[in-house]
N, C-alpha and C. Protein backbone atom coordinates (compact mmCIF):
# COMPACT_ATOMS: atom_id res chain seq x y z
N UNK A 1 -183.73 92.00 -30.38
CA UNK A 1 -183.73 91.23 -31.62
C UNK A 1 -185.17 90.99 -32.08
N UNK A 2 -185.54 91.43 -33.30
CA UNK A 2 -186.93 91.32 -33.72
C UNK A 2 -187.34 89.94 -34.21
N UNK A 3 -186.39 89.01 -34.39
CA UNK A 3 -186.70 87.72 -34.98
C UNK A 3 -186.72 86.60 -33.94
N UNK A 4 -187.71 85.70 -34.12
CA UNK A 4 -187.80 84.51 -33.27
C UNK A 4 -187.96 83.30 -34.19
N UNK A 5 -187.10 82.29 -33.98
CA UNK A 5 -187.17 81.09 -34.81
C UNK A 5 -188.38 80.25 -34.38
N UNK A 6 -189.34 80.11 -35.28
CA UNK A 6 -190.53 79.31 -35.00
C UNK A 6 -190.19 77.83 -35.15
N UNK A 7 -189.52 77.50 -36.25
CA UNK A 7 -188.94 76.16 -36.46
C UNK A 7 -187.75 76.35 -37.38
N UNK A 8 -187.21 75.27 -37.90
CA UNK A 8 -185.98 75.39 -38.69
C UNK A 8 -186.18 76.11 -40.02
N UNK A 9 -187.44 76.29 -40.45
CA UNK A 9 -187.69 76.88 -41.76
C UNK A 9 -188.59 78.10 -41.72
N UNK A 10 -188.84 78.61 -40.53
CA UNK A 10 -189.73 79.76 -40.38
C UNK A 10 -189.27 80.66 -39.24
N UNK A 11 -189.35 81.98 -39.45
CA UNK A 11 -189.07 82.92 -38.36
C UNK A 11 -190.24 83.88 -38.22
N UNK A 12 -190.44 84.33 -37.00
CA UNK A 12 -191.46 85.34 -36.72
C UNK A 12 -190.77 86.65 -36.38
N UNK A 13 -191.19 87.72 -37.03
CA UNK A 13 -190.61 89.04 -36.78
C UNK A 13 -191.63 89.92 -36.08
N UNK A 14 -191.19 90.61 -35.05
CA UNK A 14 -192.04 91.57 -34.35
C UNK A 14 -191.83 92.95 -34.97
N UNK A 15 -192.90 93.53 -35.50
CA UNK A 15 -192.84 94.84 -36.15
C UNK A 15 -193.40 95.87 -35.19
N UNK A 16 -192.60 96.90 -34.92
CA UNK A 16 -193.00 97.94 -33.98
C UNK A 16 -193.11 99.29 -34.68
N UNK A 17 -194.02 100.17 -34.21
CA UNK A 17 -194.17 101.49 -34.82
C UNK A 17 -192.85 102.26 -34.83
N UNK A 18 -192.53 102.88 -35.95
CA UNK A 18 -191.31 103.67 -36.06
C UNK A 18 -190.08 102.88 -36.44
N UNK A 19 -190.21 101.57 -36.53
CA UNK A 19 -189.07 100.71 -36.89
C UNK A 19 -189.38 100.00 -38.21
N UNK A 20 -188.33 99.60 -38.91
CA UNK A 20 -188.49 98.92 -40.19
C UNK A 20 -187.79 97.56 -40.17
N UNK A 21 -188.33 96.67 -40.97
CA UNK A 21 -187.68 95.40 -41.28
C UNK A 21 -187.65 95.28 -42.79
N UNK A 22 -186.53 94.79 -43.32
CA UNK A 22 -186.43 94.55 -44.75
C UNK A 22 -186.41 93.05 -45.00
N UNK A 23 -187.09 92.63 -46.06
CA UNK A 23 -187.12 91.20 -46.38
C UNK A 23 -187.10 91.01 -47.89
N UNK A 24 -186.78 89.79 -48.29
CA UNK A 24 -186.91 89.46 -49.71
C UNK A 24 -188.37 89.53 -50.10
N UNK A 25 -188.62 90.01 -51.30
CA UNK A 25 -190.00 90.05 -51.78
C UNK A 25 -190.52 88.63 -51.95
N UNK A 26 -191.75 88.43 -51.49
CA UNK A 26 -192.36 87.12 -51.58
C UNK A 26 -192.05 86.21 -50.41
N UNK A 27 -191.31 86.73 -49.40
CA UNK A 27 -190.92 85.88 -48.27
C UNK A 27 -191.96 85.88 -47.15
N UNK A 28 -192.97 86.80 -47.22
CA UNK A 28 -193.99 86.84 -46.18
C UNK A 28 -194.94 85.64 -46.32
N UNK A 29 -195.11 84.91 -45.22
CA UNK A 29 -196.01 83.76 -45.21
C UNK A 29 -197.36 84.09 -44.59
N UNK A 30 -197.35 84.87 -43.53
CA UNK A 30 -198.58 85.27 -42.84
C UNK A 30 -198.23 86.42 -41.89
N UNK A 31 -199.25 87.19 -41.50
CA UNK A 31 -199.00 88.27 -40.53
C UNK A 31 -200.24 88.57 -39.72
N UNK A 32 -200.02 89.17 -38.56
CA UNK A 32 -201.10 89.64 -37.69
C UNK A 32 -200.85 91.10 -37.36
N UNK A 33 -201.92 91.88 -37.25
CA UNK A 33 -201.79 93.27 -36.87
C UNK A 33 -201.88 94.22 -38.06
N UNK A 34 -201.54 95.47 -37.81
CA UNK A 34 -201.58 96.53 -38.83
C UNK A 34 -200.19 96.67 -39.44
N UNK A 35 -199.91 95.86 -40.45
CA UNK A 35 -198.58 95.80 -41.05
C UNK A 35 -198.67 96.11 -42.54
N UNK A 36 -197.73 96.90 -43.05
CA UNK A 36 -197.71 97.24 -44.47
C UNK A 36 -196.44 96.70 -45.13
N UNK A 37 -196.54 96.38 -46.42
CA UNK A 37 -195.42 95.85 -47.19
C UNK A 37 -195.30 96.67 -48.47
N UNK A 38 -194.16 97.30 -48.66
CA UNK A 38 -193.95 98.14 -49.84
C UNK A 38 -192.61 97.81 -50.49
N UNK A 39 -192.55 97.84 -51.84
CA UNK A 39 -191.27 97.58 -52.51
C UNK A 39 -190.23 98.60 -52.07
N UNK A 40 -189.00 98.13 -51.86
CA UNK A 40 -187.92 99.01 -51.44
C UNK A 40 -187.01 99.25 -52.63
N UNK A 41 -186.97 100.49 -53.12
CA UNK A 41 -186.20 100.81 -54.31
C UNK A 41 -184.75 101.13 -54.01
N UNK A 42 -184.46 101.44 -52.74
CA UNK A 42 -183.08 101.79 -52.38
C UNK A 42 -182.35 100.65 -51.70
N UNK A 43 -183.02 99.56 -51.43
CA UNK A 43 -182.34 98.38 -50.90
C UNK A 43 -181.80 98.54 -49.50
N UNK A 44 -182.66 98.78 -48.51
CA UNK A 44 -182.20 98.84 -47.13
C UNK A 44 -181.70 100.20 -46.72
N UNK A 45 -180.83 100.24 -45.71
CA UNK A 45 -180.37 101.48 -45.11
C UNK A 45 -179.15 102.08 -45.79
N UNK A 46 -178.67 101.45 -46.86
CA UNK A 46 -177.46 101.94 -47.51
C UNK A 46 -177.68 103.15 -48.39
N UNK A 47 -178.94 103.44 -48.75
CA UNK A 47 -179.22 104.59 -49.58
C UNK A 47 -179.01 104.32 -51.06
N UNK A 48 -179.17 105.37 -51.86
CA UNK A 48 -179.13 105.24 -53.31
C UNK A 48 -177.75 104.78 -53.81
N UNK A 49 -176.68 105.34 -53.26
CA UNK A 49 -175.34 104.97 -53.71
C UNK A 49 -175.07 103.49 -53.46
N UNK A 50 -175.52 103.00 -52.31
CA UNK A 50 -175.32 101.59 -51.99
C UNK A 50 -176.13 100.71 -52.93
N UNK A 51 -177.36 101.15 -53.27
CA UNK A 51 -178.20 100.38 -54.18
C UNK A 51 -177.54 100.26 -55.55
N UNK A 52 -177.00 101.38 -56.07
CA UNK A 52 -176.34 101.35 -57.37
C UNK A 52 -175.14 100.41 -57.34
N UNK A 53 -174.38 100.47 -56.25
CA UNK A 53 -173.22 99.59 -56.12
C UNK A 53 -173.62 98.13 -56.14
N UNK A 54 -174.72 97.79 -55.46
CA UNK A 54 -175.14 96.40 -55.42
C UNK A 54 -175.65 95.93 -56.79
N UNK A 55 -176.30 96.81 -57.53
CA UNK A 55 -176.78 96.43 -58.85
C UNK A 55 -175.61 96.19 -59.81
N UNK A 56 -174.62 97.05 -59.73
CA UNK A 56 -173.43 96.86 -60.55
C UNK A 56 -172.75 95.54 -60.20
N UNK A 57 -172.75 95.22 -58.90
CA UNK A 57 -172.08 94.00 -58.43
C UNK A 57 -172.94 92.75 -58.59
N UNK A 58 -174.20 92.92 -59.03
CA UNK A 58 -175.09 91.77 -59.15
C UNK A 58 -175.61 91.29 -57.82
N UNK A 59 -175.63 92.17 -56.81
CA UNK A 59 -176.07 91.79 -55.47
C UNK A 59 -177.38 92.49 -55.11
N UNK A 60 -178.20 92.79 -56.09
CA UNK A 60 -179.39 93.59 -55.84
C UNK A 60 -180.64 92.72 -55.79
N UNK A 61 -180.74 91.83 -54.84
CA UNK A 61 -181.94 91.02 -54.65
C UNK A 61 -183.10 91.93 -54.23
N UNK A 62 -184.27 91.85 -54.92
CA UNK A 62 -185.39 92.74 -54.60
C UNK A 62 -185.83 92.62 -53.15
N UNK A 63 -186.03 93.77 -52.50
CA UNK A 63 -186.44 93.81 -51.11
C UNK A 63 -187.79 94.49 -50.97
N UNK A 64 -188.43 94.24 -49.84
CA UNK A 64 -189.62 95.00 -49.46
C UNK A 64 -189.43 95.53 -48.05
N UNK A 65 -190.06 96.67 -47.79
CA UNK A 65 -190.01 97.30 -46.47
C UNK A 65 -191.25 96.90 -45.69
N UNK A 66 -191.04 96.43 -44.47
CA UNK A 66 -192.14 96.00 -43.61
C UNK A 66 -192.24 96.99 -42.45
N UNK A 67 -193.43 97.59 -42.28
CA UNK A 67 -193.63 98.60 -41.23
C UNK A 67 -194.99 98.40 -40.59
N UNK A 68 -195.17 99.03 -39.42
CA UNK A 68 -196.45 99.01 -38.74
C UNK A 68 -196.36 98.46 -37.34
N UNK A 69 -197.37 97.68 -36.96
CA UNK A 69 -197.42 97.10 -35.62
C UNK A 69 -198.05 95.72 -35.71
N UNK A 70 -197.26 94.70 -35.38
CA UNK A 70 -197.79 93.34 -35.44
C UNK A 70 -196.67 92.32 -35.53
N UNK A 71 -196.99 91.14 -36.03
CA UNK A 71 -195.99 90.08 -36.21
C UNK A 71 -196.12 89.51 -37.62
N UNK A 72 -194.98 89.10 -38.17
CA UNK A 72 -194.95 88.57 -39.53
C UNK A 72 -194.17 87.26 -39.54
N UNK A 73 -194.69 86.26 -40.24
CA UNK A 73 -193.98 85.00 -40.43
C UNK A 73 -193.27 85.04 -41.78
N UNK A 74 -191.97 84.73 -41.76
CA UNK A 74 -191.16 84.72 -42.98
C UNK A 74 -190.62 83.32 -43.25
N UNK A 75 -190.53 82.98 -44.52
CA UNK A 75 -189.91 81.73 -44.95
C UNK A 75 -189.82 81.78 -46.46
N UNK A 76 -188.97 80.93 -47.04
CA UNK A 76 -188.83 80.98 -48.50
C UNK A 76 -188.27 79.66 -49.03
N UNK A 77 -189.02 79.03 -49.92
CA UNK A 77 -188.54 77.85 -50.62
C UNK A 77 -188.28 76.64 -49.74
N UNK A 78 -188.75 76.65 -48.52
CA UNK A 78 -188.49 75.53 -47.62
C UNK A 78 -187.05 75.47 -47.14
N UNK A 79 -186.29 76.57 -47.31
CA UNK A 79 -184.90 76.56 -46.88
C UNK A 79 -184.80 76.67 -45.36
N UNK A 80 -183.74 76.12 -44.80
CA UNK A 80 -183.47 76.29 -43.39
C UNK A 80 -183.07 77.74 -43.12
N UNK A 81 -183.41 78.23 -41.94
CA UNK A 81 -183.17 79.63 -41.60
C UNK A 81 -182.36 79.72 -40.32
N UNK A 82 -181.38 80.60 -40.34
CA UNK A 82 -180.55 80.86 -39.18
C UNK A 82 -180.62 82.34 -38.85
N UNK A 83 -180.93 82.67 -37.59
CA UNK A 83 -180.93 84.07 -37.15
C UNK A 83 -179.57 84.41 -36.57
N UNK A 84 -178.96 85.48 -37.08
CA UNK A 84 -177.62 85.90 -36.66
C UNK A 84 -177.72 87.29 -36.05
N UNK A 85 -177.27 87.42 -34.82
CA UNK A 85 -177.28 88.71 -34.14
C UNK A 85 -175.95 89.44 -34.32
N UNK A 86 -176.01 90.75 -34.51
CA UNK A 86 -174.82 91.58 -34.66
C UNK A 86 -174.77 92.64 -33.57
N UNK A 87 -173.57 92.85 -33.04
CA UNK A 87 -173.37 93.85 -31.98
C UNK A 87 -172.31 94.85 -32.41
N UNK A 88 -172.58 95.52 -33.53
CA UNK A 88 -171.66 96.52 -34.03
C UNK A 88 -170.68 96.00 -35.05
N UNK A 89 -170.64 94.68 -35.28
CA UNK A 89 -169.71 94.13 -36.27
C UNK A 89 -170.38 94.01 -37.63
N UNK A 90 -169.70 93.39 -38.58
CA UNK A 90 -170.20 93.29 -39.95
C UNK A 90 -170.43 91.84 -40.32
N UNK A 91 -171.57 91.58 -40.94
CA UNK A 91 -171.90 90.26 -41.46
C UNK A 91 -171.68 90.27 -42.97
N UNK A 92 -170.95 89.26 -43.46
CA UNK A 92 -170.72 89.09 -44.89
C UNK A 92 -171.59 87.92 -45.35
N UNK A 93 -172.49 88.16 -46.31
CA UNK A 93 -173.44 87.13 -46.72
C UNK A 93 -173.88 87.40 -48.16
N UNK A 94 -174.14 86.33 -48.92
CA UNK A 94 -174.63 86.51 -50.28
C UNK A 94 -176.06 87.07 -50.23
N UNK A 95 -176.37 87.99 -51.16
CA UNK A 95 -177.66 88.68 -51.13
C UNK A 95 -178.83 87.72 -51.25
N UNK A 96 -178.68 86.65 -52.07
CA UNK A 96 -179.81 85.75 -52.25
C UNK A 96 -180.06 84.87 -51.03
N UNK A 97 -179.13 84.90 -50.05
CA UNK A 97 -179.33 84.14 -48.82
C UNK A 97 -180.03 84.96 -47.73
N UNK A 98 -180.17 86.25 -47.95
CA UNK A 98 -180.81 87.11 -46.95
C UNK A 98 -182.33 86.97 -47.03
N UNK A 99 -182.91 86.42 -45.99
CA UNK A 99 -184.37 86.33 -45.93
C UNK A 99 -184.96 87.63 -45.42
N UNK A 100 -184.44 88.13 -44.31
CA UNK A 100 -184.93 89.37 -43.72
C UNK A 100 -183.87 89.91 -42.77
N UNK A 101 -183.91 91.23 -42.53
CA UNK A 101 -182.96 91.79 -41.59
C UNK A 101 -183.51 93.06 -40.96
N UNK A 102 -182.97 93.36 -39.80
CA UNK A 102 -183.37 94.51 -39.01
C UNK A 102 -183.07 95.80 -39.76
N UNK A 103 -184.03 96.73 -39.75
CA UNK A 103 -183.85 97.99 -40.44
C UNK A 103 -182.77 98.88 -39.85
N UNK A 104 -182.27 98.53 -38.67
CA UNK A 104 -181.19 99.32 -38.06
C UNK A 104 -179.83 98.98 -38.69
N UNK A 105 -179.74 97.89 -39.45
CA UNK A 105 -178.47 97.48 -40.04
C UNK A 105 -178.25 98.19 -41.37
N UNK A 106 -177.01 98.65 -41.57
CA UNK A 106 -176.66 99.33 -42.81
C UNK A 106 -176.16 98.32 -43.82
N UNK A 107 -176.74 98.34 -45.02
CA UNK A 107 -176.41 97.38 -46.05
C UNK A 107 -175.42 97.97 -47.04
N UNK A 108 -174.46 97.16 -47.46
CA UNK A 108 -173.48 97.60 -48.44
C UNK A 108 -173.00 96.44 -49.28
N UNK A 109 -171.95 96.68 -50.08
CA UNK A 109 -171.37 95.65 -50.94
C UNK A 109 -169.86 95.68 -50.82
N UNK A 110 -169.24 94.51 -50.83
CA UNK A 110 -167.79 94.43 -50.74
C UNK A 110 -167.25 93.55 -51.84
N UNK A 111 -166.14 93.97 -52.44
CA UNK A 111 -165.45 93.19 -53.46
C UNK A 111 -164.59 92.15 -52.77
N UNK A 112 -164.97 90.86 -52.90
CA UNK A 112 -164.28 89.81 -52.18
C UNK A 112 -162.85 89.61 -52.65
N UNK A 113 -162.54 90.03 -53.88
CA UNK A 113 -161.19 89.90 -54.37
C UNK A 113 -160.19 90.69 -53.55
N UNK A 114 -160.67 91.70 -52.81
CA UNK A 114 -159.76 92.50 -51.99
C UNK A 114 -159.28 91.74 -50.78
N UNK A 115 -159.93 90.62 -50.45
CA UNK A 115 -159.48 89.76 -49.36
C UNK A 115 -158.84 88.51 -49.98
N UNK A 116 -157.57 88.61 -50.27
CA UNK A 116 -156.88 87.47 -50.84
C UNK A 116 -156.44 87.68 -52.27
N UNK A 117 -156.60 88.90 -52.82
CA UNK A 117 -156.11 89.22 -54.14
C UNK A 117 -156.68 88.31 -55.21
N UNK A 118 -155.79 87.80 -56.06
CA UNK A 118 -156.21 86.95 -57.17
C UNK A 118 -156.94 85.71 -56.68
N UNK A 119 -156.47 85.14 -55.57
CA UNK A 119 -157.12 83.94 -55.04
C UNK A 119 -158.54 84.25 -54.59
N UNK A 120 -158.75 85.48 -54.12
CA UNK A 120 -160.10 85.87 -53.76
C UNK A 120 -161.01 85.87 -54.97
N UNK A 121 -160.48 86.28 -56.13
CA UNK A 121 -161.25 86.26 -57.36
C UNK A 121 -161.56 84.83 -57.78
N UNK A 122 -160.54 83.96 -57.64
CA UNK A 122 -160.74 82.55 -57.99
C UNK A 122 -161.83 81.95 -57.12
N UNK A 123 -161.86 82.35 -55.84
CA UNK A 123 -162.88 81.86 -54.92
C UNK A 123 -164.27 82.13 -55.48
N UNK A 124 -164.47 83.33 -56.01
CA UNK A 124 -165.77 83.67 -56.56
C UNK A 124 -166.15 82.78 -57.73
N UNK A 125 -165.18 82.44 -58.57
CA UNK A 125 -165.45 81.59 -59.71
C UNK A 125 -165.74 80.15 -59.28
N UNK A 126 -164.97 79.64 -58.33
CA UNK A 126 -165.12 78.25 -57.90
C UNK A 126 -166.42 78.05 -57.12
N UNK A 127 -166.73 78.98 -56.22
CA UNK A 127 -167.89 78.81 -55.35
C UNK A 127 -169.19 79.15 -56.05
N UNK A 128 -169.11 79.91 -57.16
CA UNK A 128 -170.32 80.34 -57.83
C UNK A 128 -171.03 81.45 -57.09
N UNK A 129 -170.39 82.04 -56.08
CA UNK A 129 -171.02 83.07 -55.27
C UNK A 129 -170.73 84.47 -55.81
N UNK A 130 -169.88 84.58 -56.81
CA UNK A 130 -169.57 85.89 -57.36
C UNK A 130 -168.42 86.54 -56.63
N UNK A 131 -167.91 87.63 -57.22
CA UNK A 131 -166.76 88.32 -56.65
C UNK A 131 -167.18 89.32 -55.58
N UNK A 132 -168.45 89.65 -55.53
CA UNK A 132 -168.96 90.62 -54.57
C UNK A 132 -169.84 89.91 -53.54
N UNK A 133 -169.95 90.49 -52.37
CA UNK A 133 -170.84 89.95 -51.35
C UNK A 133 -171.52 91.11 -50.64
N UNK A 134 -172.67 90.85 -50.06
CA UNK A 134 -173.41 91.86 -49.32
C UNK A 134 -172.90 91.95 -47.89
N UNK A 135 -172.87 93.17 -47.35
CA UNK A 135 -172.48 93.37 -45.96
C UNK A 135 -173.63 94.01 -45.19
N UNK A 136 -173.78 93.60 -43.94
CA UNK A 136 -174.73 94.21 -43.00
C UNK A 136 -173.93 94.61 -41.77
N UNK A 137 -174.06 95.87 -41.38
CA UNK A 137 -173.24 96.38 -40.28
C UNK A 137 -174.10 97.12 -39.27
N UNK A 138 -173.77 96.93 -37.98
CA UNK A 138 -174.46 97.66 -36.93
C UNK A 138 -174.97 96.75 -35.83
N UNK A 139 -176.02 97.20 -35.17
CA UNK A 139 -176.63 96.45 -34.07
C UNK A 139 -178.01 95.99 -34.52
N UNK A 140 -178.23 94.69 -34.50
CA UNK A 140 -179.50 94.15 -34.94
C UNK A 140 -179.37 92.68 -35.26
N UNK A 141 -180.23 92.18 -36.11
CA UNK A 141 -180.23 90.77 -36.45
C UNK A 141 -180.63 90.56 -37.89
N UNK A 142 -180.19 89.43 -38.45
CA UNK A 142 -180.54 89.06 -39.81
C UNK A 142 -180.91 87.59 -39.84
N UNK A 143 -181.84 87.23 -40.70
CA UNK A 143 -182.24 85.84 -40.91
C UNK A 143 -181.71 85.41 -42.27
N UNK A 144 -180.85 84.40 -42.30
CA UNK A 144 -180.25 83.94 -43.56
C UNK A 144 -180.72 82.53 -43.86
N UNK A 145 -180.69 82.18 -45.15
CA UNK A 145 -181.19 80.88 -45.60
C UNK A 145 -180.05 79.95 -45.99
N UNK A 146 -180.27 78.65 -45.83
CA UNK A 146 -179.26 77.66 -46.17
C UNK A 146 -179.94 76.33 -46.47
N UNK A 147 -179.17 75.43 -47.07
CA UNK A 147 -179.65 74.07 -47.32
C UNK A 147 -179.23 73.15 -46.16
N UNK A 148 -180.17 72.39 -45.65
CA UNK A 148 -179.83 71.32 -44.71
C UNK A 148 -179.41 71.74 -43.32
N UNK A 149 -179.69 72.97 -42.92
CA UNK A 149 -179.30 73.43 -41.59
C UNK A 149 -177.94 74.09 -41.58
N UNK A 150 -177.65 74.81 -40.49
CA UNK A 150 -176.43 75.62 -40.39
C UNK A 150 -175.76 75.37 -39.04
N UNK A 151 -174.44 75.37 -39.05
CA UNK A 151 -173.67 75.33 -37.81
C UNK A 151 -172.72 76.51 -37.80
N UNK A 152 -172.55 77.12 -36.63
CA UNK A 152 -171.62 78.24 -36.47
C UNK A 152 -170.29 77.71 -35.95
N UNK A 153 -169.21 77.98 -36.67
CA UNK A 153 -167.89 77.50 -36.30
C UNK A 153 -167.02 78.69 -35.89
N UNK A 154 -166.52 78.71 -34.64
CA UNK A 154 -165.68 79.83 -34.19
C UNK A 154 -164.35 79.89 -34.96
N UNK A 155 -163.88 81.12 -35.19
CA UNK A 155 -162.57 81.34 -35.82
C UNK A 155 -161.70 82.09 -34.82
N UNK A 156 -160.52 81.56 -34.52
CA UNK A 156 -159.60 82.23 -33.60
C UNK A 156 -158.25 82.39 -34.29
N UNK A 157 -157.43 83.34 -33.81
CA UNK A 157 -156.11 83.53 -34.44
C UNK A 157 -155.27 82.27 -34.44
N UNK A 158 -155.44 81.43 -33.42
CA UNK A 158 -154.65 80.20 -33.34
C UNK A 158 -155.24 79.06 -34.18
N UNK A 159 -156.54 79.20 -34.52
CA UNK A 159 -157.20 78.10 -35.23
C UNK A 159 -158.03 78.64 -36.40
N UNK A 160 -157.42 78.86 -37.57
CA UNK A 160 -158.20 79.21 -38.75
C UNK A 160 -159.11 78.06 -39.14
N UNK A 161 -160.15 78.35 -39.88
CA UNK A 161 -161.13 77.34 -40.28
C UNK A 161 -161.10 77.19 -41.80
N UNK A 162 -161.10 75.95 -42.26
CA UNK A 162 -161.15 75.66 -43.68
C UNK A 162 -162.54 75.13 -44.03
N UNK A 163 -163.15 75.72 -45.05
CA UNK A 163 -164.53 75.40 -45.41
C UNK A 163 -164.60 75.08 -46.90
N UNK A 164 -165.39 74.09 -47.24
CA UNK A 164 -165.71 73.85 -48.64
C UNK A 164 -166.43 75.11 -49.16
N UNK A 165 -165.95 75.73 -50.23
CA UNK A 165 -166.59 76.97 -50.70
C UNK A 165 -168.07 76.82 -50.99
N UNK A 166 -168.50 75.61 -51.40
CA UNK A 166 -169.92 75.41 -51.70
C UNK A 166 -170.77 75.36 -50.43
N UNK A 167 -170.14 75.06 -49.28
CA UNK A 167 -170.89 74.95 -48.02
C UNK A 167 -170.89 76.25 -47.24
N UNK A 168 -170.12 77.23 -47.71
CA UNK A 168 -170.03 78.52 -47.01
C UNK A 168 -171.35 79.27 -47.12
N UNK A 169 -171.81 79.84 -45.99
CA UNK A 169 -173.05 80.63 -45.96
C UNK A 169 -172.75 82.09 -45.67
N UNK A 170 -172.02 82.37 -44.59
CA UNK A 170 -171.75 83.74 -44.18
C UNK A 170 -170.65 83.72 -43.13
N UNK A 171 -170.10 84.90 -42.83
CA UNK A 171 -169.17 85.00 -41.70
C UNK A 171 -169.24 86.42 -41.14
N UNK A 172 -168.77 86.56 -39.89
CA UNK A 172 -168.70 87.90 -39.31
C UNK A 172 -167.51 87.95 -38.36
N UNK A 173 -167.13 89.16 -38.02
CA UNK A 173 -165.98 89.38 -37.16
C UNK A 173 -164.82 89.95 -37.95
N UNK A 174 -163.67 90.02 -37.31
CA UNK A 174 -162.44 90.50 -37.95
C UNK A 174 -161.77 89.31 -38.63
N UNK A 175 -162.26 89.00 -39.83
CA UNK A 175 -161.88 87.76 -40.50
C UNK A 175 -161.37 88.06 -41.91
N UNK A 176 -160.30 87.37 -42.29
CA UNK A 176 -159.81 87.42 -43.66
C UNK A 176 -160.04 86.06 -44.30
N UNK A 177 -160.26 86.06 -45.62
CA UNK A 177 -160.47 84.79 -46.30
C UNK A 177 -159.59 84.69 -47.54
N UNK A 178 -159.19 83.48 -47.84
CA UNK A 178 -158.45 83.22 -49.07
C UNK A 178 -158.74 81.80 -49.50
N UNK A 179 -158.55 81.55 -50.79
CA UNK A 179 -158.76 80.22 -51.32
C UNK A 179 -157.44 79.48 -51.34
N UNK A 180 -157.44 78.26 -50.84
CA UNK A 180 -156.22 77.46 -50.84
C UNK A 180 -156.50 76.13 -51.52
N UNK A 181 -155.47 75.56 -52.09
CA UNK A 181 -155.62 74.27 -52.75
C UNK A 181 -155.43 73.15 -51.73
N UNK A 182 -156.07 72.03 -51.98
CA UNK A 182 -155.99 70.89 -51.07
C UNK A 182 -155.78 69.61 -51.86
N UNK A 183 -154.81 69.66 -52.77
CA UNK A 183 -154.54 68.49 -53.61
C UNK A 183 -153.75 67.44 -52.84
N UNK A 184 -154.18 66.23 -52.89
CA UNK A 184 -153.48 65.13 -52.25
C UNK A 184 -153.37 63.96 -53.20
N UNK A 185 -152.88 62.84 -52.71
CA UNK A 185 -152.67 61.68 -53.59
C UNK A 185 -153.99 61.14 -54.14
N UNK A 186 -155.08 61.30 -53.36
CA UNK A 186 -156.37 60.81 -53.85
C UNK A 186 -156.82 61.60 -55.08
N UNK A 187 -156.56 62.93 -55.05
CA UNK A 187 -156.92 63.74 -56.21
C UNK A 187 -156.06 63.37 -57.41
N UNK A 188 -154.80 63.07 -57.15
CA UNK A 188 -153.88 62.77 -58.24
C UNK A 188 -154.25 61.47 -58.95
N UNK A 189 -154.83 60.52 -58.24
CA UNK A 189 -155.18 59.24 -58.87
C UNK A 189 -156.67 59.18 -59.23
N UNK A 190 -157.36 60.30 -59.07
CA UNK A 190 -158.74 60.35 -59.51
C UNK A 190 -159.74 59.83 -58.52
N UNK A 191 -159.35 59.69 -57.25
CA UNK A 191 -160.27 59.17 -56.25
C UNK A 191 -160.65 60.23 -55.22
N UNK A 192 -160.36 61.47 -55.52
CA UNK A 192 -160.67 62.53 -54.58
C UNK A 192 -162.14 62.87 -54.58
N UNK A 193 -162.55 63.66 -53.62
CA UNK A 193 -163.95 64.05 -53.49
C UNK A 193 -164.32 65.20 -54.41
N UNK A 194 -163.33 65.77 -55.10
CA UNK A 194 -163.61 66.93 -55.94
C UNK A 194 -163.40 68.22 -55.19
N UNK A 195 -163.07 68.15 -53.91
CA UNK A 195 -162.88 69.35 -53.09
C UNK A 195 -161.41 69.77 -53.15
N UNK A 196 -160.99 70.18 -54.36
CA UNK A 196 -159.59 70.55 -54.55
C UNK A 196 -159.29 71.93 -53.99
N UNK A 197 -160.32 72.70 -53.69
CA UNK A 197 -160.13 74.03 -53.12
C UNK A 197 -160.82 74.13 -51.77
N UNK A 198 -160.22 74.89 -50.89
CA UNK A 198 -160.82 75.16 -49.58
C UNK A 198 -160.79 76.66 -49.32
N UNK A 199 -161.83 77.15 -48.69
CA UNK A 199 -161.87 78.55 -48.27
C UNK A 199 -161.28 78.63 -46.87
N UNK A 200 -160.17 79.32 -46.72
CA UNK A 200 -159.51 79.46 -45.42
C UNK A 200 -159.89 80.79 -44.79
N UNK A 201 -160.46 80.74 -43.59
CA UNK A 201 -160.85 81.95 -42.86
C UNK A 201 -160.01 82.05 -41.60
N UNK A 202 -159.37 83.20 -41.42
CA UNK A 202 -158.49 83.39 -40.27
C UNK A 202 -158.81 84.71 -39.60
N UNK A 203 -158.43 84.81 -38.33
CA UNK A 203 -158.71 86.02 -37.55
C UNK A 203 -159.54 85.70 -36.33
N UNK A 204 -160.50 86.59 -36.03
CA UNK A 204 -161.38 86.40 -34.88
C UNK A 204 -162.82 86.63 -35.30
N UNK A 205 -163.65 85.61 -35.13
CA UNK A 205 -165.06 85.72 -35.51
C UNK A 205 -165.67 84.35 -35.62
N UNK A 206 -166.55 84.18 -36.58
CA UNK A 206 -167.16 82.87 -36.81
C UNK A 206 -167.67 82.77 -38.24
N UNK A 207 -167.78 81.54 -38.72
CA UNK A 207 -168.30 81.28 -40.05
C UNK A 207 -169.49 80.34 -39.93
N UNK A 208 -170.48 80.55 -40.77
CA UNK A 208 -171.68 79.73 -40.77
C UNK A 208 -171.62 78.80 -41.98
N UNK A 209 -171.74 77.49 -41.70
CA UNK A 209 -171.56 76.46 -42.71
C UNK A 209 -172.86 75.66 -42.83
N UNK A 210 -173.29 75.42 -44.08
CA UNK A 210 -174.50 74.63 -44.28
C UNK A 210 -174.16 73.16 -44.52
N UNK A 211 -175.15 72.31 -44.27
CA UNK A 211 -174.94 70.85 -44.38
C UNK A 211 -175.26 70.39 -45.81
N UNK A 212 -174.74 71.12 -46.78
CA UNK A 212 -175.00 70.80 -48.18
C UNK A 212 -174.03 71.57 -49.04
N UNK A 213 -173.84 71.12 -50.27
CA UNK A 213 -173.01 71.85 -51.22
C UNK A 213 -173.85 72.46 -52.32
N UNK A 214 -175.16 72.60 -52.08
CA UNK A 214 -176.09 73.15 -53.08
C UNK A 214 -176.27 74.65 -52.90
N UNK A 215 -176.34 75.36 -54.03
CA UNK A 215 -176.71 76.77 -54.00
C UNK A 215 -178.22 76.88 -53.82
N UNK A 216 -178.65 78.07 -53.36
CA UNK A 216 -180.09 78.29 -53.21
C UNK A 216 -180.74 78.39 -54.58
């Protein structure tokens, strides 16, 4: 894993010859060694077709390629950072939450409406996250950003997890999601919290939840 959490808002990446790291442009805070930073026009390991798909989906956050030999400190906007390791599975995360990721991971885009049909589309409208999401697949690690810190909640077939759509950060594993309503008597009399919808995740994996309902 090339990333080491320095504190809650900064990560250090080890850059080795022959390997690449991709990061959001402007996320480099400091570096040591012989390291180069170049704009990435194809957006990671997905290639040109993947880049076009992400632009059409609105998931084309500008990236830069980091290469050479040394260490780099990454951070952005004072957001909290969580390092997530992948062992052949797929991480689903919004593009603007990706701070940096291992160049060994293949980047793509997925239409979230395909997980839950019409309700999946409604989820995109309610959460403000859009109908598409970025995927990272393979063996490696990614550093994602969130407000107020992140907790990882396990998802098991016996225990699905319900998340406020605004607090959702990312998930991985063999997981399906759908939007469900949570109307109760408090909502009916106008004393509810406004959380009339919940994102239900079921299957096997985990979901990362931030301690805030704010978008980045």
